[in-house]
Amino acid sequence: SIQIQRGKDGSADTGDAQAYSNIDEANFARIYELYYAFSTDSGFI
């Protein structure tokens, strides 16, 4: 999976110390998850 985030940090406009949006972050584009899984009836890795 990949994630791409773009935009301005809204908390910077208000001057809040605590961000009010979970997606406020510097712009990025990255591989978010990349994994191989093997599963059986007793568990997975």
All heavy atoms as atom14 arrays in JSON, in Angstrom:
{
  "sequence": "SIQIQRGKDGSADTGDAQAYSNIDEANFARIYELYYAFSTDSGFI",
  "atom14_mask": [
    [1, 1, 1, 1, 1, 1, 0, 0, 0, 0, 0, 0, 0, 0],
    [1, 1, 1, 1, 1, 1, 1, 1, 0, 0, 0, 0, 0, 0],
    [1, 1, 1, 1, 1, 1, 1, 1, 1, 0, 0, 0, 0, 0],
    [1, 1, 1, 1, 1, 1, 1, 1, 0, 0, 0, 0, 0, 0],
    [1, 1, 1, 1, 1, 1, 1, 1, 1, 0, 0, 0, 0, 0],
    [1, 1, 1, 1, 1, 1, 1, 1, 1, 1, 1, 0, 0, 0],
    [1, 1, 1, 1, 0, 0, 0, 0, 0, 0, 0, 0, 0, 0],
    [1, 1, 1, 1, 1, 1, 1, 1, 1, 0, 0, 0, 0, 0],
    [1, 1, 1, 1, 1, 1, 1, 1, 0, 0, 0, 0, 0, 0],
    [1, 1, 1, 1, 0, 0, 0, 0, 0, 0, 0, 0, 0, 0],
    [1, 1, 1, 1, 1, 1, 0, 0, 0, 0, 0, 0, 0, 0],
    [1, 1, 1, 1, 1, 0, 0, 0, 0, 0, 0, 0, 0, 0],
    [1, 1, 1, 1, 1, 1, 1, 1, 0, 0, 0, 0, 0, 0],
    [1, 1, 1, 1, 1, 1, 1, 0, 0, 0, 0, 0, 0, 0],
    [1, 1, 1, 1, 0, 0, 0, 0, 0, 0, 0, 0, 0, 0],
    [1, 1, 1, 1, 1, 1, 1, 1, 0, 0, 0, 0, 0, 0],
    [1, 1, 1, 1, 1, 0, 0, 0, 0, 0, 0, 0, 0, 0],
    [1, 1, 1, 1, 1, 1, 1, 1, 1, 0, 0, 0, 0, 0],
    [1, 1, 1, 1, 1, 0, 0, 0, 0, 0, 0, 0, 0, 0],
    [1, 1, 1, 1, 1, 1, 1, 1, 1, 1, 1, 1, 0, 0],
    [1, 1, 1, 1, 1, 1, 0, 0, 0, 0, 0, 0, 0, 0],
    [1, 1, 1, 1, 1, 1, 1, 1, 0, 0, 0, 0, 0, 0],
    [1, 1, 1, 1, 1, 1, 1, 1, 0, 0, 0, 0, 0, 0],
    [1, 1, 1, 1, 1, 1, 1, 1, 0, 0, 0, 0, 0, 0],
    [1, 1, 1, 1, 1, 1, 1, 1, 1, 0, 0, 0, 0, 0],
    [1, 1, 1, 1, 1, 0, 0, 0, 0, 0, 0, 0, 0, 0],
    [1, 1, 1, 1, 1, 1, 1, 1, 0, 0, 0, 0, 0, 0],
    [1, 1, 1, 1, 1, 1, 1, 1, 1, 1, 1, 0, 0, 0],
    [1, 1, 1, 1, 1, 0, 0, 0, 0, 0, 0, 0, 0, 0],
    [1, 1, 1, 1, 1, 1, 1, 1, 1, 1, 1, 0, 0, 0],
    [1, 1, 1, 1, 1, 1, 1, 1, 0, 0, 0, 0, 0, 0],
    [1, 1, 1, 1, 1, 1, 1, 1, 1, 1, 1, 1, 0, 0],
    [1, 1, 1, 1, 1, 1, 1, 1, 1, 0, 0, 0, 0, 0],
    [1, 1, 1, 1, 1, 1, 1, 1, 0, 0, 0, 0, 0, 0],
    [1, 1, 1, 1, 1, 1, 1, 1, 1, 1, 1, 1, 0, 0],
    [1, 1, 1, 1, 1, 1, 1, 1, 1, 1, 1, 1, 0, 0],
    [1, 1, 1, 1, 1, 0, 0, 0, 0, 0, 0, 0, 0, 0],
    [1, 1, 1, 1, 1, 1, 1, 1, 1, 1, 1, 0, 0, 0],
    [1, 1, 1, 1, 1, 1, 0, 0, 0, 0, 0, 0, 0, 0],
    [1, 1, 1, 1, 1, 1, 1, 0, 0, 0, 0, 0, 0, 0],
    [1, 1, 1, 1, 1, 1, 1, 1, 0, 0, 0, 0, 0, 0],
    [1, 1, 1, 1, 1, 1, 0, 0, 0, 0, 0, 0, 0, 0],
    [1, 1, 1, 1, 0, 0, 0, 0, 0, 0, 0, 0, 0, 0],
    [1, 1, 1, 1, 1, 1, 1, 1, 1, 1, 1, 0, 0, 0],
    [1, 1, 1, 1, 1, 1, 1, 1, 0, 0, 0, 0, 0, 0]
  ],
  "atom14_positions": [
    [[0.84, -1.19, 0.0], [0.0, 0.0, 0.0], [0.88, 1.24, 0.0], [2.02, 1.21, 0.46], [-0.94, 0.02, 1.21], [-0.23, 0.25, 2.4], [0.0, 0.0, 0.0], [0.0, 0.0, 0.0], [0.0, 0.0, 0.0], [0.0, 0.0, 0.0], [0.0, 0.0, 0.0], [0.0, 0.0, 0.0], [0.0, 0.0, 0.0], [0.0, 0.0, 0.0]],
    [[0.32, 2.31, -0.55], [1.02, 3.59, -0.58], [0.11, 4.66, 0.01], [-1.12, 4.51, 0.01], [1.47, 3.99, -1.99], [0.26, 4.15, -2.92], [2.46, 3.01, -2.56], [0.61, 4.73, -4.27], [0.0, 0.0, 0.0], [0.0, 0.0, 0.0], [0.0, 0.0, 0.0], [0.0, 0.0, 0.0], [0.0, 0.0, 0.0], [0.0, 0.0, 0.0]],
    [[0.72, 5.72, 0.51], [-0.02, 6.89, 0.98], [0.63, 8.14, 0.42], [1.86, 8.22, 0.33], [-0.03, 6.97, 2.51], [-0.93, 5.99, 3.17], [-1.07, 6.26, 4.66], [-0.26, 6.91, 5.28], [-2.14, 5.72, 5.23], [0.0, 0.0, 0.0], [0.0, 0.0, 0.0], [0.0, 0.0, 0.0], [0.0, 0.0, 0.0], [0.0, 0.0, 0.0]],
    [[-0.23, 9.09, 0.07], [0.22, 10.38, -0.43], [-0.54, 11.45, 0.34], [-1.77, 11.4, 0.43], [-0.06, 10.52, -1.94], [0.65, 9.42, -2.71], [0.35, 11.9, -2.44], [0.22, 9.3, -4.15], [0.0, 0.0, 0.0], [0.0, 0.0, 0.0], [0.0, 0.0, 0.0], [0.0, 0.0, 0.0], [0.0, 0.0, 0.0], [0.0, 0.0, 0.0]],
    [[0.19, 12.41, 0.91], [-0.44, 13.5, 1.65], [0.06, 14.81, 1.09], [1.25, 14.98, 0.84], [-0.11, 13.4, 3.14], [-0.91, 14.32, 4.02], [-0.3, 15.69, 4.22], [0.89, 15.9, 4.04], [-1.12, 16.64, 4.57], [0.0, 0.0, 0.0], [0.0, 0.0, 0.0], [0.0, 0.0, 0.0], [0.0, 0.0, 0.0], [0.0, 0.0, 0.0]],
    [[-0.88, 15.73, 0.84], [-0.55, 17.06, 0.35], [-1.42, 18.09, 1.07], [-2.57, 17.8, 1.4], [-0.79, 17.18, -1.17], [0.1, 16.29, -2.0], [1.53, 16.83, -2.01], [2.39, 16.04, -2.86], [3.18, 15.07, -2.44], [3.17, 14.72, -1.18], [3.96, 14.42, -3.26], [0.0, 0.0, 0.0], [0.0, 0.0, 0.0], [0.0, 0.0, 0.0]],
    [[-0.9, 19.26, 1.27], [-1.67, 20.34, 1.84], [-0.93, 21.06, 2.94], [0.2, 20.73, 3.29], [0.0, 0.0, 0.0], [0.0, 0.0, 0.0], [0.0, 0.0, 0.0], [0.0, 0.0, 0.0], [0.0, 0.0, 0.0], [0.0, 0.0, 0.0], [0.0, 0.0, 0.0], [0.0, 0.0, 0.0], [0.0, 0.0, 0.0], [0.0, 0.0, 0.0]],
    [[-1.61, 22.06, 3.5], [-1.03, 22.91, 4.54], [-1.54, 22.48, 5.91], [-2.67, 22.04, 6.05], [-1.43, 24.35, 4.26], [-0.79, 25.37, 5.15], [-1.24, 26.77, 4.75], [-0.77, 27.76, 5.8], [-1.39, 29.07, 5.62], [0.0, 0.0, 0.0], [0.0, 0.0, 0.0], [0.0, 0.0, 0.0], [0.0, 0.0, 0.0], [0.0, 0.0, 0.0]],
    [[-0.7, 22.61, 6.92], [-1.06, 22.28, 8.3], [-2.03, 23.32, 8.83], [-1.67, 24.49, 9.01], [0.2, 22.22, 9.15], [-0.04, 21.83, 10.59], [-1.22, 21.78, 11.02], [0.93, 21.57, 11.3], [0.0, 0.0, 0.0], [0.0, 0.0, 0.0], [0.0, 0.0, 0.0], [0.0, 0.0, 0.0], [0.0, 0.0, 0.0], [0.0, 0.0, 0.0]],
    [[-3.26, 22.93, 9.07], [-4.27, 23.86, 9.55], [-3.99, 24.39, 10.94], [-4.36, 25.52, 11.28], [0.0, 0.0, 0.0], [0.0, 0.0, 0.0], [0.0, 0.0, 0.0], [0.0, 0.0, 0.0], [0.0, 0.0, 0.0], [0.0, 0.0, 0.0], [0.0, 0.0, 0.0], [0.0, 0.0, 0.0], [0.0, 0.0, 0.0], [0.0, 0.0, 0.0]],
    [[-3.34, 23.61, 11.78], [-3.02, 24.06, 13.14], [-2.02, 25.21, 13.13], [-1.97, 26.01, 14.07], [-2.48, 22.91, 13.97], [-3.47, 21.92, 14.1], [0.0, 0.0, 0.0], [0.0, 0.0, 0.0], [0.0, 0.0, 0.0], [0.0, 0.0, 0.0], [0.0, 0.0, 0.0], [0.0, 0.0, 0.0], [0.0, 0.0, 0.0], [0.0, 0.0, 0.0]],
    [[-1.21, 25.31, 12.08], [-0.24, 26.41, 11.99], [-0.96, 27.75, 11.86], [-0.46, 28.77, 12.33], [0.68, 26.19, 10.81], [0.0, 0.0, 0.0], [0.0, 0.0, 0.0], [0.0, 0.0, 0.0], [0.0, 0.0, 0.0], [0.0, 0.0, 0.0], [0.0, 0.0, 0.0], [0.0, 0.0, 0.0], [0.0, 0.0, 0.0], [0.0, 0.0, 0.0]],
    [[-2.14, 27.78, 11.24], [-2.91, 29.02, 11.1], [-3.5, 29.47, 12.42], [-3.61, 30.66, 12.68], [-4.04, 28.85, 10.08], [-3.52, 28.73, 8.66], [-2.35, 29.06, 8.41], [-4.3, 28.3, 7.79], [0.0, 0.0, 0.0], [0.0, 0.0, 0.0], [0.0, 0.0, 0.0], [0.0, 0.0, 0.0], [0.0, 0.0, 0.0], [0.0, 0.0, 0.0]],
    [[-3.9, 28.52, 13.25], [-4.53, 28.89, 14.51], [-3.51, 29.16, 15.61], [-3.81, 29.85, 16.57], [-5.47, 27.77, 15.01], [-4.71, 26.58, 15.22], [-6.58, 27.51, 14.02], [0.0, 0.0, 0.0], [0.0, 0.0, 0.0], [0.0, 0.0, 0.0], [0.0, 0.0, 0.0], [0.0, 0.0, 0.0], [0.0, 0.0, 0.0], [0.0, 0.0, 0.0]],
    [[-2.32, 28.58, 15.49], [-1.31, 28.73, 16.52], [-1.47, 27.72, 17.64], [-0.85, 27.86, 18.69], [0.0, 0.0, 0.0], [0.0, 0.0, 0.0], [0.0, 0.0, 0.0], [0.0, 0.0, 0.0], [0.0, 0.0, 0.0], [0.0, 0.0, 0.0], [0.0, 0.0, 0.0], [0.0, 0.0, 0.0], [0.0, 0.0, 0.0], [0.0, 0.0, 0.0]],
    [[-2.29, 26.7, 17.41], [-2.51, 25.66, 18.43], [-1.25, 24.84, 18.65], [-0.53, 24.52, 17.72], [-3.63, 24.71, 18.02], [-4.99, 25.38, 18.05], [-5.09, 26.46, 18.64], [-5.94, 24.82, 17.49], [0.0, 0.0, 0.0], [0.0, 0.0, 0.0], [0.0, 0.0, 0.0], [0.0, 0.0, 0.0], [0.0, 0.0, 0.0], [0.0, 0.0, 0.0]],
    [[-1.02, 24.46, 19.89], [0.09, 23.57, 20.21], [-0.28, 22.12, 19.87], [0.57, 21.32, 19.53], [0.45, 23.67, 21.69], [0.0, 0.0, 0.0], [0.0, 0.0, 0.0], [0.0, 0.0, 0.0], [0.0, 0.0, 0.0], [0.0, 0.0, 0.0], [0.0, 0.0, 0.0], [0.0, 0.0, 0.0], [0.0, 0.0, 0.0], [0.0, 0.0, 0.0]],
    [[-1.56, 21.81, 19.96], [-2.04, 20.46, 19.66], [-2.77, 20.47, 18.32], [-3.68, 21.25, 18.12], [-2.98, 19.98, 20.75], [-3.51, 18.57, 20.5], [-4.39, 18.09, 21.64], [-4.46, 18.72, 22.69], [-5.07, 17.0, 21.42], [0.0, 0.0, 0.0], [0.0, 0.0, 0.0], [0.0, 0.0, 0.0], [0.0, 0.0, 0.0], [0.0, 0.0, 0.0]],
    [[-2.35, 19.62, 17.42], [-2.98, 19.56, 16.1], [-4.42, 19.06, 16.21], [-4.73, 18.22, 17.04], [-2.19, 18.64, 15.19], [0.0, 0.0, 0.0], [0.0, 0.0, 0.0], [0.0, 0.0, 0.0], [0.0, 0.0, 0.0], [0.0, 0.0, 0.0], [0.0, 0.0, 0.0], [0.0, 0.0, 0.0], [0.0, 0.0, 0.0], [0.0, 0.0, 0.0]],
    [[-5.29, 19.59, 15.38], [-6.69, 19.15, 15.4], [-7.03, 18.25, 14.23], [-8.17, 17.84, 14.06], [-7.65, 20.34, 15.44], [-7.5, 21.35, 14.34], [-8.05, 21.13, 13.09], [-6.8, 22.52, 14.55], [-7.91, 22.06, 12.08], [-6.67, 23.45, 13.55], [-7.23, 23.22, 12.31], [-7.09, 24.15, 11.33], [0.0, 0.0, 0.0], [0.0, 0.0, 0.0]],
    [[-6.05, 17.91, 13.4], [-6.28, 16.99, 12.3], [-5.2, 15.91, 12.31], [-4.02, 16.21, 12.46], [-6.26, 17.71, 10.96], [-6.36, 16.79, 9.9], [0.0, 0.0, 0.0], [0.0, 0.0, 0.0], [0.0, 0.0, 0.0], [0.0, 0.0, 0.0], [0.0, 0.0, 0.0], [0.0, 0.0, 0.0], [0.0, 0.0, 0.0], [0.0, 0.0, 0.0]],
    [[-5.62, 14.66, 12.14], [-4.66, 13.55, 12.15], [-3.82, 13.48, 10.87], [-2.87, 12.72, 10.82], [-5.39, 12.22, 12.33], [-5.92, 12.06, 13.73], [-5.5, 12.75, 14.64], [-6.86, 11.15, 13.92], [0.0, 0.0, 0.0], [0.0, 0.0, 0.0], [0.0, 0.0, 0.0], [0.0, 0.0, 0.0], [0.0, 0.0, 0.0], [0.0, 0.0, 0.0]],
    [[-4.21, 14.23, 9.84], [-3.4, 14.16, 8.62], [-2.54, 15.4, 8.44], [-1.99, 15.61, 7.37], [-4.27, 13.89, 7.36], [-5.21, 15.05, 7.05], [-5.01, 12.58, 7.48], [-5.91, 14.9, 5.7], [0.0, 0.0, 0.0], [0.0, 0.0, 0.0], [0.0, 0.0, 0.0], [0.0, 0.0, 0.0], [0.0, 0.0, 0.0], [0.0, 0.0, 0.0]],
    [[-2.39, 16.22, 9.48], [-1.47, 17.36, 9.4], [-0.05, 16.85, 9.53], [0.36, 16.35, 10.59], [-1.76, 18.38, 10.51], [-2.88, 19.32, 10.13], [-3.18, 19.41, 8.93], [-3.44, 19.96, 11.02], [0.0, 0.0, 0.0], [0.0, 0.0, 0.0], [0.0, 0.0, 0.0], [0.0, 0.0, 0.0], [0.0, 0.0, 0.0], [0.0, 0.0, 0.0]],
    [[0.68, 16.96, 8.47], [2.07, 16.51, 8.43], [2.7, 17.12, 7.2], [2.01, 17.59, 6.3], [2.13, 14.98, 8.36], [3.53, 14.44, 8.46], [3.57, 12.92, 8.48], [2.57, 12.28, 8.77], [4.65, 12.4, 8.2], [0.0, 0.0, 0.0], [0.0, 0.0, 0.0], [0.0, 0.0, 0.0], [0.0, 0.0, 0.0], [0.0, 0.0, 0.0]],
    [[4.01, 17.12, 7.14], [4.7, 17.58, 5.93], [4.28, 16.7, 4.75], [3.96, 15.52, 4.93], [6.2, 17.52, 6.14], [0.0, 0.0, 0.0], [0.0, 0.0, 0.0], [0.0, 0.0, 0.0], [0.0, 0.0, 0.0], [0.0, 0.0, 0.0], [0.0, 0.0, 0.0], [0.0, 0.0, 0.0], [0.0, 0.0, 0.0], [0.0, 0.0, 0.0]],
    [[4.26, 17.28, 3.56], [3.87, 16.51, 2.37], [4.76, 15.29, 2.22], [5.96, 15.35, 2.45], [3.97, 17.38, 1.13], [2.95, 18.49, 1.1], [1.97, 18.46, 1.83], [3.17, 19.47, 0.25], [0.0, 0.0, 0.0], [0.0, 0.0, 0.0], [0.0, 0.0, 0.0], [0.0, 0.0, 0.0], [0.0, 0.0, 0.0], [0.0, 0.0, 0.0]],
    [[4.15, 14.17, 1.84], [4.9, 12.94, 1.63], [4.21, 12.05, 0.61], [3.03, 12.2, 0.33], [5.1, 12.16, 2.93], [3.82, 11.63, 3.54], [3.26, 10.45, 3.08], [3.19, 12.3, 4.57], [2.09, 9.97, 3.64], [2.03, 11.83, 5.13], [1.47, 10.65, 4.67], [0.0, 0.0, 0.0], [0.0, 0.0, 0.0], [0.0, 0.0, 0.0]],
    [[4.96, 11.15, 0.06], [4.47, 10.06, -0.78], [5.38, 8.88, -0.44], [6.58, 8.95, -0.63], [4.55, 10.42, -2.26], [0.0, 0.0, 0.0], [0.0, 0.0, 0.0], [0.0, 0.0, 0.0], [0.0, 0.0, 0.0], [0.0, 0.0, 0.0], [0.0, 0.0, 0.0], [0.0, 0.0, 0.0], [0.0, 0.0, 0.0], [0.0, 0.0, 0.0]],
    [[4.78, 7.8, 0.1], [5.62, 6.71, 0.58], [4.9, 5.37, 0.49], [3.67, 5.31, 0.43], [6.05, 6.96, 2.01], [4.87, 6.96, 2.98], [5.3, 7.17, 4.41], [4.15, 7.37, 5.27], [4.07, 8.27, 6.2], [5.1, 9.06, 6.45], [2.99, 8.4, 6.94], [0.0, 0.0, 0.0], [0.0, 0.0, 0.0], [0.0, 0.0, 0.0]],
    [[5.7, 4.34, 0.51], [5.15, 3.0, 0.67], [4.75, 2.88, 2.13], [5.58, 3.04, 3.02], [6.18, 1.92, 0.29], [6.51, 2.01, -1.19], [5.65, 0.54, 0.66], [7.61, 1.07, -1.63], [0.0, 0.0, 0.0], [0.0, 0.0, 0.0], [0.0, 0.0, 0.0], [0.0, 0.0, 0.0], [0.0, 0.0, 0.0], [0.0, 0.0, 0.0]],
    [[3.47, 2.66, 2.37], [2.98, 2.62, 3.74], [3.15, 1.22, 4.34], [3.6, 1.06, 5.45], [1.52, 3.06, 3.78], [0.97, 3.2, 5.17], [1.48, 4.16, 6.03], [-0.05, 2.39, 5.62], [1.0, 4.3, 7.31], [-0.55, 2.53, 6.9], [-0.03, 3.48, 7.75], [-0.51, 3.61, 9.01], [0.0, 0.0, 0.0], [0.0, 0.0, 0.0]],
    [[2.75, 0.21, 3.58], [2.93, -1.18, 4.01], [3.41, -2.01, 2.83], [3.0, -1.8, 1.7], [1.63, -1.79, 4.53], [1.14, -1.2, 5.83], [-0.1, -1.93, 6.33], [-1.2, -1.61, 5.85], [0.07, -2.81, 7.19], [0.0, 0.0, 0.0], [0.0, 0.0, 0.0], [0.0, 0.0, 0.0], [0.0, 0.0, 0.0], [0.0, 0.0, 0.0]],
    [[4.26, -2.97, 3.12], [4.73, -3.92, 2.13], [5.19, -5.16, 2.89], [6.17, -5.11, 3.63], [5.89, -3.35, 1.31], [6.51, -4.27, 0.27], [5.48, -4.66, -0.79], [7.71, -3.6, -0.38], [0.0, 0.0, 0.0], [0.0, 0.0, 0.0], [0.0, 0.0, 0.0], [0.0, 0.0, 0.0], [0.0, 0.0, 0.0], [0.0, 0.0, 0.0]],
    [[4.41, -6.25, 2.76], [4.78, -7.44, 3.52], [4.33, -8.72, 2.82], [3.47, -8.72, 1.96], [4.22, -7.4, 4.94], [2.71, -7.39, 5.04], [1.97, -8.57, 4.96], [2.01, -6.21, 5.25], [0.59, -8.56, 5.06], [0.64, -6.2, 5.36], [-0.07, -7.38, 5.27], [-1.43, -7.37, 5.37], [0.0, 0.0, 0.0], [0.0, 0.0, 0.0]],
    [[4.99, -9.8, 3.25], [4.62, -11.16, 2.87], [4.08, -11.84, 4.13], [4.65, -11.68, 5.22], [5.83, -11.93, 2.34], [5.62, -13.43, 2.33], [4.88, -14.03, 1.33], [6.13, -14.23, 3.34], [4.66, -15.4, 1.33], [5.93, -15.59, 3.36], [5.19, -16.17, 2.34], [4.98, -17.53, 2.36], [0.0, 0.0, 0.0], [0.0, 0.0, 0.0]],
    [[2.99, -12.58, 4.0], [2.41, -13.29, 5.14], [2.17, -14.75, 4.79], [1.79, -15.07, 3.67], [1.1, -12.63, 5.57], [0.0, 0.0, 0.0], [0.0, 0.0, 0.0], [0.0, 0.0, 0.0], [0.0, 0.0, 0.0], [0.0, 0.0, 0.0], [0.0, 0.0, 0.0], [0.0, 0.0, 0.0], [0.0, 0.0, 0.0], [0.0, 0.0, 0.0]],
    [[2.41, -15.59, 5.75], [2.11, -17.02, 5.62], [1.2, -17.39, 6.79], [1.52, -17.09, 7.95], [3.38, -17.86, 5.66], [3.12, -19.34, 5.6], [2.78, -19.94, 4.4], [3.19, -20.11, 6.74], [2.52, -21.3, 4.35], [2.93, -21.47, 6.7], [2.6, -22.07, 5.5], [0.0, 0.0, 0.0], [0.0, 0.0, 0.0], [0.0, 0.0, 0.0]],
    [[0.07, -18.02, 6.51], [-0.87, -18.35, 7.58], [-1.21, -19.83, 7.57], [-1.21, -20.49, 6.54], [-2.16, -17.53, 7.42], [-2.76, -17.79, 6.19], [0.0, 0.0, 0.0], [0.0, 0.0, 0.0], [0.0, 0.0, 0.0], [0.0, 0.0, 0.0], [0.0, 0.0, 0.0], [0.0, 0.0, 0.0], [0.0, 0.0, 0.0], [0.0, 0.0, 0.0]],
    [[-1.47, -20.34, 8.77], [-1.93, -21.71, 8.96], [-3.1, -21.66, 9.93], [-3.48, -20.58, 10.41], [-0.81, -22.6, 9.54], [-0.47, -22.13, 10.85], [0.42, -22.6, 8.65], [0.0, 0.0, 0.0], [0.0, 0.0, 0.0], [0.0, 0.0, 0.0], [0.0, 0.0, 0.0], [0.0, 0.0, 0.0], [0.0, 0.0, 0.0], [0.0, 0.0, 0.0]],
    [[-3.67, -22.81, 10.25], [-4.77, -22.85, 11.21], [-4.33, -22.43, 12.62], [-5.13, -21.95, 13.41], [-5.38, -24.26, 11.27], [-6.07, -24.63, 9.98], [-6.48, -23.7, 9.24], [-6.23, -25.83, 9.71], [0.0, 0.0, 0.0], [0.0, 0.0, 0.0], [0.0, 0.0, 0.0], [0.0, 0.0, 0.0], [0.0, 0.0, 0.0], [0.0, 0.0, 0.0]],
    [[-3.04, -22.6, 12.91], [-2.56, -22.3, 14.26], [-1.97, -20.89, 14.4], [-1.62, -20.48, 15.5], [-1.52, -23.33, 14.7], [-0.44, -23.33, 13.8], [0.0, 0.0, 0.0], [0.0, 0.0, 0.0], [0.0, 0.0, 0.0], [0.0, 0.0, 0.0], [0.0, 0.0, 0.0], [0.0, 0.0, 0.0], [0.0, 0.0, 0.0], [0.0, 0.0, 0.0]],
    [[-1.84, -20.14, 13.3], [-1.3, -18.78, 13.41], [-0.8, -18.26, 12.08], [-1.07, -18.83, 11.02], [0.0, 0.0, 0.0], [0.0, 0.0, 0.0], [0.0, 0.0, 0.0], [0.0, 0.0, 0.0], [0.0, 0.0, 0.0], [0.0, 0.0, 0.0], [0.0, 0.0, 0.0], [0.0, 0.0, 0.0], [0.0, 0.0, 0.0], [0.0, 0.0, 0.0]],
    [[-0.06, -17.18, 12.15], [0.49, -16.57, 10.94], [1.81, -15.89, 11.26], [2.13, -15.63, 12.42], [-0.49, -15.57, 10.32], [-0.73, -14.34, 11.16], [0.06, -13.2, 10.99], [-1.71, -14.32, 12.13], [-0.16, -12.07, 11.76], [-1.93, -13.19, 12.9], [-1.15, -12.07, 12.72], [0.0, 0.0, 0.0], [0.0, 0.0, 0.0], [0.0, 0.0, 0.0]],
    [[2.57, -15.6, 10.21], [3.81, -14.84, 10.34], [3.82, -13.81, 9.21], [3.4, -14.1, 8.1], [5.06, -15.74, 10.29], [6.31, -14.91, 10.55], [5.15, -16.48, 8.97], [7.54, -15.74, 10.81], [0.0, 0.0, 0.0], [0.0, 0.0, 0.0], [0.0, 0.0, 0.0], [0.0, 0.0, 0.0], [0.0, 0.0, 0.0], [0.0, 0.0, 0.0]]
  ]
}
